[in-house]
Amino acid sequence: MLIAIVNLPMNFIGVIAGYKMKKMKTPTKISRVPRDLPEGLPWFLNFNLMSVVSGVVPVFVIAFEIY
């Protein structure tokens, strides 16, 4: 009940304030041309490794907490 009393009005106020806000200007020029990641990245920035680690770490943390 408390969540509904506090969260819903805050949500509506935030939506209205965000809708009426002026558009932000970015401080840098943004190119529409997508660029590839550079070759030779360190081993810990490998996409496949990060995919596995980001899935395995939460499972181990939860298992450790339950144990």
N, C-alpha and C. Protein backbone atom coordinates (compact mmCIF):
# COMPACT_ATOMS: atom_id res chain seq x y z
N MET A 1 0.82 -1.20 0.00
CA MET A 1 0.00 0.00 0.00
C MET A 1 0.87 1.26 0.00
N LEU A 2 1.92 1.22 0.81
CA LEU A 2 2.81 2.38 0.89
C LEU A 2 3.49 2.63 -0.45
N ILE A 3 3.82 1.56 -1.17
CA ILE A 3 4.44 1.72 -2.48
C ILE A 3 3.49 2.45 -3.42
N ALA A 4 2.22 2.09 -3.39
CA ALA A 4 1.23 2.74 -4.27
C ALA A 4 1.05 4.21 -3.90
N ILE A 5 1.11 4.51 -2.63
CA ILE A 5 0.90 5.89 -2.17
C ILE A 5 2.10 6.76 -2.53
N VAL A 6 3.30 6.21 -2.46
CA VAL A 6 4.51 7.00 -2.71
C VAL A 6 4.95 6.89 -4.16
N ASN A 7 4.98 5.69 -4.71
CA ASN A 7 5.57 5.45 -6.02
C ASN A 7 4.72 6.00 -7.17
N LEU A 8 3.45 5.80 -7.15
CA LEU A 8 2.62 6.23 -8.28
C LEU A 8 2.62 7.75 -8.48
N PRO A 9 2.41 8.55 -7.43
CA PRO A 9 2.49 10.00 -7.67
C PRO A 9 3.88 10.46 -8.14
N MET A 10 4.95 9.86 -7.57
CA MET A 10 6.30 10.23 -7.98
C MET A 10 6.52 9.85 -9.44
N ASN A 11 5.98 8.72 -9.85
CA ASN A 11 6.11 8.28 -11.23
C ASN A 11 5.41 9.26 -12.17
N PHE A 12 4.22 9.63 -11.86
CA PHE A 12 3.47 10.57 -12.72
C PHE A 12 4.12 11.94 -12.75
N ILE A 13 4.63 12.41 -11.64
CA ILE A 13 5.33 13.70 -11.61
C ILE A 13 6.58 13.64 -12.48
N GLY A 14 7.33 12.54 -12.40
CA GLY A 14 8.52 12.38 -13.22
C GLY A 14 8.20 12.32 -14.70
N VAL A 15 7.13 11.64 -15.05
CA VAL A 15 6.73 11.54 -16.46
C VAL A 15 6.34 12.92 -16.99
N ILE A 16 5.58 13.66 -16.24
CA ILE A 16 5.14 14.98 -16.68
C ILE A 16 6.33 15.93 -16.79
N ALA A 17 7.22 15.91 -15.79
CA ALA A 17 8.40 16.77 -15.82
C ALA A 17 9.30 16.42 -16.99
N GLY A 18 9.51 15.13 -17.24
CA GLY A 18 10.35 14.71 -18.35
C GLY A 18 9.74 15.04 -19.71
N TYR A 19 8.44 14.98 -19.81
CA TYR A 19 7.77 15.28 -21.07
C TYR A 19 7.87 16.77 -21.40
N LYS A 20 7.79 17.62 -20.39
CA LYS A 20 7.80 19.07 -20.61
C LYS A 20 9.20 19.67 -20.67
N MET A 21 10.23 18.85 -20.40
CA MET A 21 11.60 19.34 -20.41
C MET A 21 12.07 19.68 -21.81
N LYS A 22 13.01 20.63 -21.90
CA LYS A 22 13.59 20.96 -23.20
C LYS A 22 14.51 19.83 -23.64
N LYS A 23 14.72 19.73 -24.95
CA LYS A 23 15.63 18.71 -25.47
C LYS A 23 17.05 19.02 -25.04
N MET A 24 17.78 17.97 -24.64
CA MET A 24 19.17 18.15 -24.26
C MET A 24 20.04 18.21 -25.51
N LYS A 25 21.06 19.04 -25.44
CA LYS A 25 22.03 19.09 -26.53
C LYS A 25 23.27 18.35 -26.07
N THR A 26 23.79 17.49 -26.95
CA THR A 26 24.98 16.73 -26.59
C THR A 26 26.20 17.63 -26.73
N PRO A 27 27.18 17.48 -25.84
CA PRO A 27 28.36 18.34 -25.90
C PRO A 27 29.34 17.96 -27.01
N THR A 28 29.10 16.83 -27.66
CA THR A 28 29.99 16.40 -28.74
C THR A 28 29.17 16.12 -29.99
N LYS A 29 29.86 16.10 -31.10
CA LYS A 29 29.19 15.79 -32.36
C LYS A 29 29.07 14.27 -32.48
N ILE A 30 27.89 13.80 -32.80
CA ILE A 30 27.64 12.37 -32.92
C ILE A 30 27.55 12.00 -34.39
N SER A 31 28.31 10.99 -34.76
CA SER A 31 28.31 10.52 -36.14
C SER A 31 27.25 9.44 -36.31
N ARG A 32 26.60 9.44 -37.45
CA ARG A 32 25.59 8.41 -37.72
C ARG A 32 26.23 7.13 -38.26
N VAL A 33 27.50 7.19 -38.60
CA VAL A 33 28.20 6.04 -39.15
C VAL A 33 28.67 5.15 -38.00
N PRO A 34 28.17 3.91 -37.91
CA PRO A 34 28.62 3.03 -36.83
C PRO A 34 30.06 2.60 -37.06
N ARG A 35 30.79 2.47 -35.97
CA ARG A 35 32.19 2.07 -36.08
C ARG A 35 32.39 0.74 -35.38
N ASP A 36 33.30 -0.07 -35.92
CA ASP A 36 33.63 -1.36 -35.32
C ASP A 36 34.56 -1.15 -34.14
N LEU A 37 34.55 -2.13 -33.24
CA LEU A 37 35.50 -2.11 -32.14
C LEU A 37 36.89 -2.36 -32.69
N PRO A 38 37.88 -1.73 -32.13
CA PRO A 38 39.24 -1.95 -32.64
C PRO A 38 39.71 -3.37 -32.35
N GLU A 39 40.57 -3.87 -33.21
CA GLU A 39 41.15 -5.20 -33.03
C GLU A 39 42.21 -5.14 -31.94
N GLY A 40 42.50 -6.29 -31.37
CA GLY A 40 43.56 -6.35 -30.37
C GLY A 40 43.12 -5.89 -28.99
N LEU A 41 41.85 -6.09 -28.65
CA LEU A 41 41.38 -5.73 -27.32
C LEU A 41 41.95 -6.70 -26.30
N PRO A 42 42.09 -6.27 -25.05
CA PRO A 42 42.59 -7.19 -24.01
C PRO A 42 41.65 -8.39 -23.85
N TRP A 43 42.17 -9.48 -23.28
CA TRP A 43 41.42 -10.72 -23.17
C TRP A 43 40.16 -10.56 -22.34
N PHE A 44 40.17 -9.65 -21.36
CA PHE A 44 39.00 -9.51 -20.50
C PHE A 44 37.87 -8.71 -21.15
N LEU A 45 38.09 -8.16 -22.33
CA LEU A 45 37.03 -7.47 -23.05
C LEU A 45 36.45 -8.32 -24.19
N ASN A 46 36.78 -9.59 -24.20
CA ASN A 46 36.26 -10.51 -25.20
C ASN A 46 34.75 -10.69 -24.97
N PHE A 47 33.97 -10.56 -26.03
CA PHE A 47 32.51 -10.62 -25.91
C PHE A 47 32.03 -11.98 -25.40
N ASN A 48 32.60 -13.05 -25.93
CA ASN A 48 32.16 -14.39 -25.52
C ASN A 48 32.47 -14.64 -24.05
N LEU A 49 33.65 -14.24 -23.61
CA LEU A 49 34.03 -14.41 -22.21
C LEU A 49 33.10 -13.61 -21.30
N MET A 50 32.82 -12.38 -21.66
CA MET A 50 31.96 -11.54 -20.83
C MET A 50 30.53 -12.09 -20.77
N SER A 51 30.07 -12.70 -21.86
CA SER A 51 28.73 -13.29 -21.87
C SER A 51 28.64 -14.44 -20.88
N VAL A 52 29.66 -15.28 -20.86
CA VAL A 52 29.67 -16.42 -19.94
C VAL A 52 29.81 -15.93 -18.50
N VAL A 53 30.74 -15.02 -18.26
CA VAL A 53 30.99 -14.53 -16.89
C VAL A 53 29.76 -13.82 -16.34
N SER A 54 29.10 -13.01 -17.16
CA SER A 54 27.94 -12.27 -16.66
C SER A 54 26.77 -13.19 -16.35
N GLY A 55 26.75 -14.39 -16.89
CA GLY A 55 25.70 -15.35 -16.56
C GLY A 55 26.07 -16.26 -15.41
N VAL A 56 27.36 -16.57 -15.29
CA VAL A 56 27.80 -17.53 -14.27
C VAL A 56 27.96 -16.89 -12.90
N VAL A 57 28.45 -15.67 -12.85
CA VAL A 57 28.72 -15.02 -11.55
C VAL A 57 27.46 -14.90 -10.70
N PRO A 58 26.33 -14.43 -11.21
CA PRO A 58 25.13 -14.36 -10.36
C PRO A 58 24.69 -15.72 -9.84
N VAL A 59 24.84 -16.77 -10.67
CA VAL A 59 24.46 -18.11 -10.23
C VAL A 59 25.33 -18.55 -9.06
N PHE A 60 26.64 -18.33 -9.15
CA PHE A 60 27.54 -18.70 -8.06
C PHE A 60 27.26 -17.89 -6.80
N VAL A 61 26.95 -16.62 -6.95
CA VAL A 61 26.66 -15.78 -5.78
C VAL A 61 25.40 -16.27 -5.08
N ILE A 62 24.36 -16.58 -5.84
CA ILE A 62 23.12 -17.06 -5.24
C ILE A 62 23.34 -18.42 -4.59
N ALA A 63 24.09 -19.30 -5.26
CA ALA A 63 24.37 -20.62 -4.68
C ALA A 63 25.16 -20.48 -3.39
N PHE A 64 26.13 -19.58 -3.35
CA PHE A 64 26.92 -19.35 -2.14
C PHE A 64 26.06 -18.82 -1.01
N GLU A 65 25.15 -17.90 -1.32
CA GLU A 65 24.25 -17.35 -0.30
C GLU A 65 23.31 -18.44 0.25
N ILE A 66 22.83 -19.29 -0.62
CA ILE A 66 21.92 -20.35 -0.17
C ILE A 66 22.66 -21.38 0.67
N TYR A 67 23.91 -21.67 0.27
CA TYR A 67 24.70 -22.65 1.00
C TYR A 67 24.99 -22.15 2.41
